[in-house]
PDB file of all heavy atoms in Angstrom:
ATOM      1  N   ALA A   1     -30.641   7.822  60.862  1.00  0.00           N
ATOM      2  CA  ALA A   1     -31.149   6.834  59.914  1.00  0.00           C
ATOM      3  C   ALA A   1     -31.226   7.404  58.501  1.00  0.00           C
ATOM      4  O   ALA A   1     -30.910   6.717  57.521  1.00  0.00           O
ATOM      5  CB  ALA A   1     -32.516   6.339  60.366  1.00  0.00           C
ATOM      6  N   ALA A   2     -31.638   8.658  58.397  1.00  0.00           N
ATOM      7  CA  ALA A   2     -31.761   9.294  57.079  1.00  0.00           C
ATOM      8  C   ALA A   2     -30.406   9.391  56.378  1.00  0.00           C
ATOM      9  O   ALA A   2     -30.315   9.221  55.149  1.00  0.00           O
ATOM     10  CB  ALA A   2     -32.375  10.686  57.231  1.00  0.00           C
ATOM     11  N   ARG A   3     -29.347   9.641  57.146  1.00  0.00           N
ATOM     12  CA  ARG A   3     -28.002   9.736  56.559  1.00  0.00           C
ATOM     13  C   ARG A   3     -27.559   8.414  55.945  1.00  0.00           C
ATOM     14  O   ARG A   3     -26.814   8.387  54.973  1.00  0.00           O
ATOM     15  CB  ARG A   3     -26.982  10.175  57.622  1.00  0.00           C
ATOM     16  CG  ARG A   3     -27.141  11.592  58.099  1.00  0.00           C
ATOM     17  CD  ARG A   3     -25.822  12.168  58.604  1.00  0.00           C
ATOM     18  NE  ARG A   3     -25.200  11.359  59.632  1.00  0.00           N
ATOM     19  CZ  ARG A   3     -25.435  11.486  60.937  1.00  0.00           C
ATOM     20  NH1 ARG A   3     -26.328  12.382  61.365  1.00  0.00           N
ATOM     21  NH2 ARG A   3     -24.806  10.734  61.806  1.00  0.00           N
ATOM     22  N   TYR A   4     -28.022   7.326  56.536  1.00  0.00           N
ATOM     23  CA  TYR A   4     -27.609   6.005  56.070  1.00  0.00           C
ATOM     24  C   TYR A   4     -28.679   5.318  55.220  1.00  0.00           C
ATOM     25  O   TYR A   4     -28.475   4.182  54.775  1.00  0.00           O
ATOM     26  CB  TYR A   4     -27.270   5.110  57.267  1.00  0.00           C
ATOM     27  CG  TYR A   4     -25.989   5.489  57.975  1.00  0.00           C
ATOM     28  CD1 TYR A   4     -25.993   6.389  59.036  1.00  0.00           C
ATOM     29  CD2 TYR A   4     -24.762   4.951  57.575  1.00  0.00           C
ATOM     30  CE1 TYR A   4     -24.816   6.731  59.700  1.00  0.00           C
ATOM     31  CE2 TYR A   4     -23.587   5.290  58.229  1.00  0.00           C
ATOM     32  CZ  TYR A   4     -23.620   6.177  59.295  1.00  0.00           C
ATOM     33  OH  TYR A   4     -22.448   6.522  59.936  1.00  0.00           O
ATOM     34  N   GLY A   5     -29.806   5.970  55.003  1.00  0.00           N
ATOM     35  CA  GLY A   5     -30.866   5.374  54.211  1.00  0.00           C
ATOM     36  C   GLY A   5     -31.518   4.171  54.879  1.00  0.00           C
ATOM     37  O   GLY A   5     -31.858   3.184  54.217  1.00  0.00           O
ATOM     38  N   ILE A   6     -31.713   4.279  56.195  1.00  0.00           N
ATOM     39  CA  ILE A   6     -32.266   3.173  56.987  1.00  0.00           C
ATOM     40  C   ILE A   6     -33.639   3.570  57.509  1.00  0.00           C
ATOM     41  O   ILE A   6     -33.857   4.725  57.897  1.00  0.00           O
ATOM     42  CB  ILE A   6     -31.333   2.848  58.172  1.00  0.00           C
ATOM     43  CG1 ILE A   6     -29.948   2.425  57.665  1.00  0.00           C
ATOM     44  CG2 ILE A   6     -31.926   1.755  59.056  1.00  0.00           C
ATOM     45  CD1 ILE A   6     -28.906   2.380  58.767  1.00  0.00           C
ATOM     46  N   ARG A   7     -34.552   2.639  57.568  1.00  0.00           N
ATOM     47  CA  ARG A   7     -35.881   2.913  58.112  1.00  0.00           C
ATOM     48  C   ARG A   7     -35.874   2.867  59.637  1.00  0.00           C
ATOM     49  O   ARG A   7     -35.049   2.182  60.236  1.00  0.00           O
ATOM     50  CB  ARG A   7     -36.905   1.926  57.549  1.00  0.00           C
ATOM     51  CG  ARG A   7     -37.082   2.070  56.041  1.00  0.00           C
ATOM     52  CD  ARG A   7     -38.355   1.417  55.559  1.00  0.00           C
ATOM     53  NE  ARG A   7     -38.520   1.588  54.116  1.00  0.00           N
ATOM     54  CZ  ARG A   7     -39.643   1.345  53.461  1.00  0.00           C
ATOM     55  NH1 ARG A   7     -40.713   0.911  54.112  1.00  0.00           N
ATOM     56  NH2 ARG A   7     -39.716   1.526  52.153  1.00  0.00           N
ATOM     57  N   THR A   8     -36.828   3.591  60.234  1.00  0.00           N
ATOM     58  CA  THR A   8     -36.938   3.623  61.690  1.00  0.00           C
ATOM     59  C   THR A   8     -38.317   3.138  62.136  1.00  0.00           C
ATOM     60  O   THR A   8     -39.329   3.403  61.479  1.00  0.00           O
ATOM     61  CB  THR A   8     -36.697   5.036  62.238  1.00  0.00           C
ATOM     62  OG1 THR A   8     -37.549   5.970  61.552  1.00  0.00           O
ATOM     63  CG2 THR A   8     -35.246   5.450  62.083  1.00  0.00           C
ATOM     64  N   VAL A   9     -38.298   2.431  63.247  1.00  0.00           N
ATOM     65  CA  VAL A   9     -39.519   1.890  63.839  1.00  0.00           C
ATOM     66  C   VAL A   9     -39.575   2.317  65.302  1.00  0.00           C
ATOM     67  O   VAL A   9     -38.631   2.067  66.057  1.00  0.00           O
ATOM     68  CB  VAL A   9     -39.550   0.347  63.766  1.00  0.00           C
ATOM     69  CG1 VAL A   9     -40.836  -0.193  64.380  1.00  0.00           C
ATOM     70  CG2 VAL A   9     -39.393  -0.139  62.326  1.00  0.00           C
ATOM     71  N   GLU A  10     -40.664   2.955  65.686  1.00  0.00           N
ATOM     72  CA  GLU A  10     -40.883   3.266  67.105  1.00  0.00           C
ATOM     73  C   GLU A  10     -41.807   2.222  67.705  1.00  0.00           C
ATOM     74  O   GLU A  10     -42.966   2.096  67.303  1.00  0.00           O
ATOM     75  CB  GLU A  10     -41.526   4.644  67.267  1.00  0.00           C
ATOM     76  CG  GLU A  10     -40.625   5.806  66.923  1.00  0.00           C
ATOM     77  CD  GLU A  10     -41.349   7.139  67.093  1.00  0.00           C
ATOM     78  OE1 GLU A  10     -41.957   7.347  68.172  1.00  0.00           O
ATOM     79  OE2 GLU A  10     -41.335   7.943  66.141  1.00  0.00           O
ATOM     80  N   ASP A  11     -41.274   1.445  68.642  1.00  0.00           N
ATOM     81  CA  ASP A  11     -42.135   0.581  69.440  1.00  0.00           C
ATOM     82  C   ASP A  11     -42.656   1.440  70.586  1.00  0.00           C
ATOM     83  O   ASP A  11     -41.997   1.623  71.602  1.00  0.00           O
ATOM     84  CB  ASP A  11     -41.346  -0.622  69.966  1.00  0.00           C
ATOM     85  CG  ASP A  11     -42.206  -1.558  70.807  1.00  0.00           C
ATOM     86  OD1 ASP A  11     -43.351  -1.175  71.141  1.00  0.00           O
ATOM     87  OD2 ASP A  11     -41.740  -2.657  71.146  1.00  0.00           O
ATOM     88  N   ALA A  12     -43.852   1.976  70.371  1.00  0.00           N
ATOM     89  CA  ALA A  12     -44.479   2.857  71.359  1.00  0.00           C
ATOM     90  C   ALA A  12     -45.547   2.113  72.151  1.00  0.00           C
ATOM     91  O   ALA A  12     -46.574   2.681  72.516  1.00  0.00           O
ATOM     92  CB  ALA A  12     -45.073   4.077  70.659  1.00  0.00           C
ATOM     93  N   ALA A  13     -45.278   0.829  72.417  1.00  0.00           N
ATOM     94  CA  ALA A  13     -46.243   0.007  73.153  1.00  0.00           C
ATOM     95  C   ALA A  13     -46.613   0.629  74.490  1.00  0.00           C
ATOM     96  O   ALA A  13     -47.754   0.534  74.942  1.00  0.00           O
ATOM     97  CB  ALA A  13     -45.671  -1.405  73.372  1.00  0.00           C
ATOM     98  N   HIS A  14     -45.630   1.283  75.135  1.00  0.00           N
ATOM     99  CA  HIS A  14     -45.864   1.918  76.430  1.00  0.00           C
ATOM    100  C   HIS A  14     -46.433   3.323  76.302  1.00  0.00           C
ATOM    101  O   HIS A  14     -46.771   3.936  77.320  1.00  0.00           O
ATOM    102  CB  HIS A  14     -44.534   2.050  77.202  1.00  0.00           C
ATOM    103  CG  HIS A  14     -43.866   0.781  77.555  1.00  0.00           C
ATOM    104  ND1 HIS A  14     -42.723   0.735  78.340  1.00  0.00           N
ATOM    105  CD2 HIS A  14     -44.161  -0.508  77.262  1.00  0.00           C
ATOM    106  CE1 HIS A  14     -42.332  -0.510  78.492  1.00  0.00           C
ATOM    107  NE2 HIS A  14     -43.187  -1.290  77.843  1.00  0.00           N
ATOM    108  N   ALA A  15     -46.520   3.848  75.077  1.00  0.00           N
ATOM    109  CA  ALA A  15     -46.475   5.298  74.920  1.00  0.00           C
ATOM    110  C   ALA A  15     -47.695   5.956  74.293  1.00  0.00           C
ATOM    111  O   ALA A  15     -47.584   7.043  73.747  1.00  0.00           O
ATOM    112  CB  ALA A  15     -45.229   5.662  74.110  1.00  0.00           C
ATOM    113  N   ILE A  16     -48.876   5.362  74.388  1.00  0.00           N
ATOM    114  CA  ILE A  16     -50.053   6.067  73.913  1.00  0.00           C
ATOM    115  C   ILE A  16     -50.263   7.305  74.786  1.00  0.00           C
ATOM    116  O   ILE A  16     -50.218   7.229  76.016  1.00  0.00           O
ATOM    117  CB  ILE A  16     -51.305   5.168  73.895  1.00  0.00           C
ATOM    118  CG1 ILE A  16     -52.454   5.860  73.149  1.00  0.00           C
ATOM    119  CG2 ILE A  16     -51.732   4.747  75.284  1.00  0.00           C
ATOM    120  CD1 ILE A  16     -53.613   4.942  72.813  1.00  0.00           C
ATOM    121  N   GLY A  17     -50.422   8.463  74.161  1.00  0.00           N
ATOM    122  CA  GLY A  17     -50.551   9.718  74.898  1.00  0.00           C
ATOM    123  C   GLY A  17     -49.244  10.454  75.096  1.00  0.00           C
ATOM    124  O   GLY A  17     -49.240  11.600  75.553  1.00  0.00           O
ATOM    125  N   MET A  18     -48.131   9.829  74.752  1.00  0.00           N
ATOM    126  CA  MET A  18     -46.829  10.481  74.838  1.00  0.00           C
ATOM    127  C   MET A  18     -46.745  11.621  73.829  1.00  0.00           C
ATOM    128  O   MET A  18     -47.352  11.560  72.763  1.00  0.00           O
ATOM    129  CB  MET A  18     -45.738   9.451  74.543  1.00  0.00           C
ATOM    130  CG  MET A  18     -44.311   9.968  74.605  1.00  0.00           C
ATOM    131  SD  MET A  18     -43.135   8.767  73.916  1.00  0.00           S
ATOM    132  CE  MET A  18     -43.240   9.178  72.157  1.00  0.00           C
ATOM    133  N   GLU A  19     -45.971  12.655  74.165  1.00  0.00           N
ATOM    134  CA  GLU A  19     -45.763  13.770  73.247  1.00  0.00           C
ATOM    135  C   GLU A  19     -44.269  14.000  73.031  1.00  0.00           C
ATOM    136  O   GLU A  19     -43.454  13.730  73.922  1.00  0.00           O
ATOM    137  CB  GLU A  19     -46.414  15.050  73.781  1.00  0.00           C
ATOM    138  CG  GLU A  19     -47.936  14.970  73.866  1.00  0.00           C
ATOM    139  CD  GLU A  19     -48.562  16.243  74.409  1.00  0.00           C
ATOM    140  OE1 GLU A  19     -47.868  17.283  74.436  1.00  0.00           O
ATOM    141  OE2 GLU A  19     -49.732  16.196  74.823  1.00  0.00           O
ATOM    142  N   TYR A  20     -43.935  14.498  71.850  1.00  0.00           N
ATOM    143  CA  TYR A  20     -42.542  14.822  71.526  1.00  0.00           C
ATOM    144  C   TYR A  20     -42.545  16.080  70.671  1.00  0.00           C
ATOM    145  O   TYR A  20     -43.205  16.136  69.637  1.00  0.00           O
ATOM    146  CB  TYR A  20     -41.885  13.663  70.779  1.00  0.00           C
ATOM    147  CG  TYR A  20     -40.435  13.892  70.410  1.00  0.00           C
ATOM    148  CD1 TYR A  20     -39.435  13.854  71.373  1.00  0.00           C
ATOM    149  CD2 TYR A  20     -40.070  14.157  69.082  1.00  0.00           C
ATOM    150  CE1 TYR A  20     -38.106  14.061  71.034  1.00  0.00           C
ATOM    151  CE2 TYR A  20     -38.754  14.368  68.736  1.00  0.00           C
ATOM    152  CZ  TYR A  20     -37.771  14.320  69.718  1.00  0.00           C
ATOM    153  OH  TYR A  20     -36.459  14.534  69.386  1.00  0.00           O
ATOM    154  N   LYS A  21     -41.855  17.095  71.161  1.00  0.00           N
ATOM    155  CA  LYS A  21     -41.781  18.389  70.466  1.00  0.00           C
ATOM    156  C   LYS A  21     -43.166  18.915  70.112  1.00  0.00           C
ATOM    157  O   LYS A  21     -43.416  19.401  69.009  1.00  0.00           O
ATOM    158  CB  LYS A  21     -40.883  18.283  69.237  1.00  0.00           C
ATOM    159  CG  LYS A  21     -39.432  17.964  69.603  1.00  0.00           C
ATOM    160  CD  LYS A  21     -38.433  18.381  68.564  1.00  0.00           C
ATOM    161  CE  LYS A  21     -37.026  18.272  69.159  1.00  0.00           C
ATOM    162  NZ  LYS A  21     -35.974  18.715  68.240  1.00  0.00           N
ATOM    163  N   GLY A  22     -44.081  18.786  71.074  1.00  0.00           N
ATOM    164  CA  GLY A  22     -45.419  19.346  70.936  1.00  0.00           C
ATOM    165  C   GLY A  22     -46.401  18.524  70.131  1.00  0.00           C
ATOM    166  O   GLY A  22     -47.536  18.942  69.935  1.00  0.00           O
ATOM    167  N   LYS A  23     -45.974  17.351  69.667  1.00  0.00           N
ATOM    168  CA  LYS A  23     -46.868  16.504  68.873  1.00  0.00           C
ATOM    169  C   LYS A  23     -46.951  15.104  69.471  1.00  0.00           C
ATOM    170  O   LYS A  23     -46.004  14.635  70.101  1.00  0.00           O
ATOM    171  CB  LYS A  23     -46.369  16.413  67.425  1.00  0.00           C
ATOM    172  CG  LYS A  23     -46.361  17.730  66.680  1.00  0.00           C
ATOM    173  CD  LYS A  23     -45.855  17.526  65.254  1.00  0.00           C
ATOM    174  CE  LYS A  23     -45.827  18.843  64.477  1.00  0.00           C
ATOM    175  NZ  LYS A  23     -45.312  18.648  63.088  1.00  0.00           N
ATOM    176  N   LYS A  24     -48.060  14.462  69.253  1.00  0.00           N
ATOM    177  CA  LYS A  24     -48.223  13.097  69.731  1.00  0.00           C
ATOM    178  C   LYS A  24     -47.389  12.150  68.871  1.00  0.00           C
ATOM    179  O   LYS A  24     -47.150  12.391  67.696  1.00  0.00           O
ATOM    180  CB  LYS A  24     -49.694  12.688  69.707  1.00  0.00           C
ATOM    181  CG  LYS A  24     -50.540  13.419  70.739  1.00  0.00           C
ATOM    182  CD  LYS A  24     -51.964  12.900  70.736  1.00  0.00           C
ATOM    183  CE  LYS A  24     -52.773  13.527  71.878  1.00  0.00           C
ATOM    184  NZ  LYS A  24     -52.942  14.979  71.699  1.00  0.00           N
ATOM    185  N   ALA A  25     -46.976  11.053  69.489  1.00  0.00           N
ATOM    186  CA  ALA A  25     -46.247  10.027  68.740  1.00  0.00           C
ATOM    187  C   ALA A  25     -47.108   9.535  67.589  1.00  0.00           C
ATOM    188  O   ALA A  25     -48.328   9.502  67.668  1.00  0.00           O
ATOM    189  CB  ALA A  25     -45.905   8.868  69.681  1.00  0.00           C
ATOM    190  N   GLY A  26     -46.421   9.132  66.516  1.00  0.00           N
ATOM    191  CA  GLY A  26     -47.167   8.538  65.422  1.00  0.00           C
ATOM    192  C   GLY A  26     -46.844   9.072  64.055  1.00  0.00           C
ATOM    193  O   GLY A  26     -47.294   8.510  63.060  1.00  0.00           O
ATOM    194  N   GLY A  27     -46.041  10.129  63.958  1.00  0.00           N
ATOM    195  CA  GLY A  27     -45.735  10.685  62.652  1.00  0.00           C
ATOM    196  C   GLY A  27     -44.277  11.032  62.447  1.00  0.00           C
ATOM    197  O   GLY A  27     -43.911  11.600  61.422  1.00  0.00           O
TER     198      GLY A  27
END
C-alpha cells in the first residue's frame, strides 16, 4: 500500500487479543 500511496484498514472484528510480530493489533 505504501508503494502505491494507498491507505490500509484492518477489520480486526475477530481479533481482539491477536498479536503480530510481538505486538498487539492496532498500530
